[in-house]
Structure formats: C-alpha cells, structure tokens
C-alpha cells in the first residue's frame, strides 16, 4: 500500500482508478488463484475502505504473494514489483480458442518519481516500465513477455504552473532511472521464481 497523499498524479492500467488522474493512494491486493468475483473494482474499493484509504486511488490485484515484493531504486525513482510468473506467455499470443497460455499469473509494478511528468511523459513512463519488465524477464532466461494480467502504476507529483518533465523514454534522464529501477526489481522477483 502506498499512501501518496494530496498532490500526486498516477498513470495506470489498474482495475480501480486506471487512466491518468490525481490519486491519494495505490493498493496492490492479493487475491486467491481462480479469483471468482466479477466486480474487482468494487472489491478493491471495499479493501481500500477497510484500510481507511480515502479520496481517489488506484487498485491492482494479483494472486502472487504481495509480501514477497521486490524493490529497487535509482537516483530518486523507486520501483516495486510483485512477480507471479507461474503462468506466463507472450503478448502476441494465439487467438482465443487456439493453443495458448493457461490461466494467468501477474506482474504488478508500482513506480514513484520525485518529479512531475507531463501527460505524454506519464504515458511514456508506462511504456518504459513495460520495456524494462520484458528485458528483465528475458535476462532471467524466461521465455515470455509477461503475463496476461500485468498492471503498471506510475506515480509522480502533480505539475505546478509548468507542465512537468516532457520525456520519460528510456534515454531521457527520468525514464532511464525508471527503466533501471524496474529492471532491477523485476529481475530480482523473476530470479526468485526460476
């Protein structure tokens, strides 16, 4: 759980609070394998309320052990990953109904940056984190690009009068730091699974 407080924006693919917007918290909830509910956003809101989280937030879910998270930092950027890689595959998998990966595992990544990012840079940061995740999985000698249910949250302070850092690609100052932090966190988690 991340209690960000006021003044933060998140760009996320989370089930609850996905998209770009102000968020006061991020929650990565562990659920059982074969999760039966069809309303994960409502379930996450219930968990957040039980934890006394208020205001808008982002909620992710995983069947991976959330206490076995890995963390890496690089010059002010912190990446936290939970790596459930028991079931994995390639993003461009065969069409449904053909042979493909079985039930999904999950790699959830939460990144916090100390600087504001423009909208475009927030979106670019998600792409950079995903590229770094795939690189880490390949470096761990896993034959996959991730799992079918992976999620990413990028949290940064809200911009003031200026729009924030304009870039977060892997060769920009903040994108490079983000990429190294995500790579290190996911690699450690992936190696634990190997």
Foldseek 3Di string as FASTA:
>chain_A
DAQQAWQKWKAKPFPFQHHIDTAREEEEEADAPVDDDPCVNVVQVVVCVVVVNDDGHGYHYFNADPVPWFWFFFPQKIKIKGADVPWFAEPPFDDPPDDGTDDWGEIEMEMEHAWAEASVQNVQLVVLLLVLLQVLCVVLVHHHSGIPRYMYMYMYGCDDPDRIHHHQHCPDPNVVRSSVGSNVRNNVNNNVVD
